[in-house]
Amino acid sequence: MPSPSEILNDFQAFLHPKAEGKIRGRAKLVIEGVGAVLLDETGARVADEEADVVLKAKEEVFRRILSGEQNAIMAVMTRKLHVEGSPERALKVAGLLVG
């Protein structure tokens, strides 16, 4: 089983090219029981800092959303994905990550 730092580094590596130059402001993905990845115009980094919008979910839920197996809107509706901040902004962030 991967360590929390390995999981976070995996997410950071995957998300960096998807976020770099495409995110306005700051978004944070909080992986429950693991840690956080911060996204901004410079890309992705492992950090638990202030953000304009926060998406919280279990690792499995984020992996399913990022792979396209899980729709982010349905994840919110079924309470698998929790949003702090603007729901519209959260869906834009989720759309960039899947695209």
Protein backbone atom coordinates (compact mmCIF):
# COMPACT_ATOMS: atom_id res chain seq x y z
CA MET A 1 0.00 0.00 0.00
CA PRO A 2 1.45 3.40 -0.98
CA SER A 3 2.30 5.90 1.74
CA PRO A 4 0.43 9.23 1.97
CA SER A 5 3.43 11.06 0.49
CA GLU A 6 3.54 8.62 -2.45
CA ILE A 7 -0.18 9.14 -3.08
CA LEU A 8 0.18 12.93 -2.94
CA ASN A 9 3.21 12.89 -5.24
CA ASP A 10 1.28 10.71 -7.70
CA PHE A 11 -1.64 13.17 -7.74
CA GLN A 12 0.73 16.14 -8.04
CA ALA A 13 2.54 14.61 -11.02
CA PHE A 14 -0.74 13.76 -12.77
CA LEU A 15 -2.40 17.12 -12.08
CA HIS A 16 0.53 19.47 -12.75
CA PRO A 17 0.28 19.51 -16.57
CA LYS A 18 -3.53 19.70 -16.42
CA ALA A 19 -3.48 22.74 -14.12
CA GLU A 20 -0.44 24.65 -15.38
CA GLY A 21 -1.57 27.82 -17.12
CA LYS A 22 -5.23 26.81 -16.92
CA ILE A 23 -6.33 27.49 -13.33
CA ARG A 24 -7.26 31.01 -12.26
CA GLY A 25 -6.89 31.61 -8.56
CA ARG A 26 -6.24 28.63 -6.32
CA ALA A 27 -8.04 25.33 -5.92
CA LYS A 28 -7.27 22.65 -3.37
CA LEU A 29 -7.99 18.95 -3.54
CA VAL A 30 -8.17 17.46 -0.06
CA ILE A 31 -7.72 13.70 -0.19
CA GLU A 32 -9.33 12.42 3.00
CA GLY A 33 -6.85 10.76 5.33
CA VAL A 34 -3.94 11.56 3.01
CA GLY A 35 -3.34 15.30 2.55
CA ALA A 36 -3.84 18.08 0.00
CA VAL A 37 -2.74 19.15 -3.46
CA LEU A 38 -2.92 22.83 -4.36
CA LEU A 39 -3.62 23.88 -7.95
CA ASP A 40 -2.92 27.31 -9.43
CA GLU A 41 -1.62 28.86 -12.64
CA THR A 42 1.84 27.44 -11.97
CA GLY A 43 0.52 23.86 -11.85
CA ALA A 44 0.07 21.49 -8.91
CA ARG A 45 2.03 21.05 -5.72
CA VAL A 46 1.64 19.16 -2.49
CA ALA A 47 0.48 21.86 -0.07
CA ASP A 48 -2.30 22.57 2.39
CA GLU A 49 -2.73 26.32 1.93
CA GLU A 50 -5.66 28.72 1.51
CA ALA A 51 -7.60 28.32 -1.73
CA ASP A 52 -10.58 29.92 -3.48
CA VAL A 53 -12.33 26.58 -3.77
CA VAL A 54 -11.77 23.30 -1.93
CA LEU A 55 -12.79 19.86 -3.19
CA LYS A 56 -12.79 17.06 -0.59
CA ALA A 57 -13.16 13.35 -1.25
CA LYS A 58 -11.61 9.96 -0.68
CA GLU A 59 -8.68 8.97 -2.87
CA GLU A 60 -10.80 6.49 -4.83
CA VAL A 61 -13.41 9.15 -5.68
CA PHE A 62 -10.75 11.57 -7.00
CA ARG A 63 -9.15 8.80 -9.05
CA ARG A 64 -12.53 7.92 -10.59
CA ILE A 65 -13.28 11.58 -11.39
CA LEU A 66 -9.83 12.14 -12.91
CA SER A 67 -10.11 9.00 -15.04
CA GLY A 68 -13.56 9.98 -16.27
CA GLU A 69 -15.26 7.01 -14.60
CA GLN A 70 -17.14 9.25 -12.14
CA ASN A 71 -18.98 12.42 -13.09
CA ALA A 72 -18.07 15.27 -10.72
CA ILE A 73 -21.66 16.58 -10.59
CA MET A 74 -22.97 13.14 -9.63
CA ALA A 75 -20.21 12.82 -7.04
CA VAL A 76 -21.38 16.07 -5.43
CA MET A 77 -25.05 15.03 -5.62
CA THR A 78 -24.30 11.67 -3.98
CA ARG A 79 -22.11 13.43 -1.39
CA LYS A 80 -18.96 11.60 -2.39
CA LEU A 81 -17.35 14.93 -3.31
CA HIS A 82 -17.68 17.90 -0.97
CA VAL A 83 -17.21 21.48 -2.13
CA GLU A 84 -16.23 24.53 -0.08
CA GLY A 85 -16.58 27.74 -2.05
CA SER A 86 -18.31 28.37 -5.35
CA PRO A 87 -19.90 25.22 -6.79
CA GLU A 88 -19.60 26.69 -10.29
CA ARG A 89 -15.88 27.25 -9.80
CA ALA A 90 -15.48 23.74 -8.42
CA LEU A 91 -17.13 22.25 -11.51
CA LYS A 92 -14.86 24.32 -13.78
CA VAL A 93 -11.82 22.98 -11.92
CA ALA A 94 -13.13 19.41 -12.14
CA GLY A 95 -13.79 19.89 -15.87
CA LEU A 96 -10.22 21.03 -16.49
CA LEU A 97 -8.81 18.06 -14.62
CA VAL A 98 -10.77 15.51 -16.61
CA GLY A 99 -10.28 17.21 -20.00
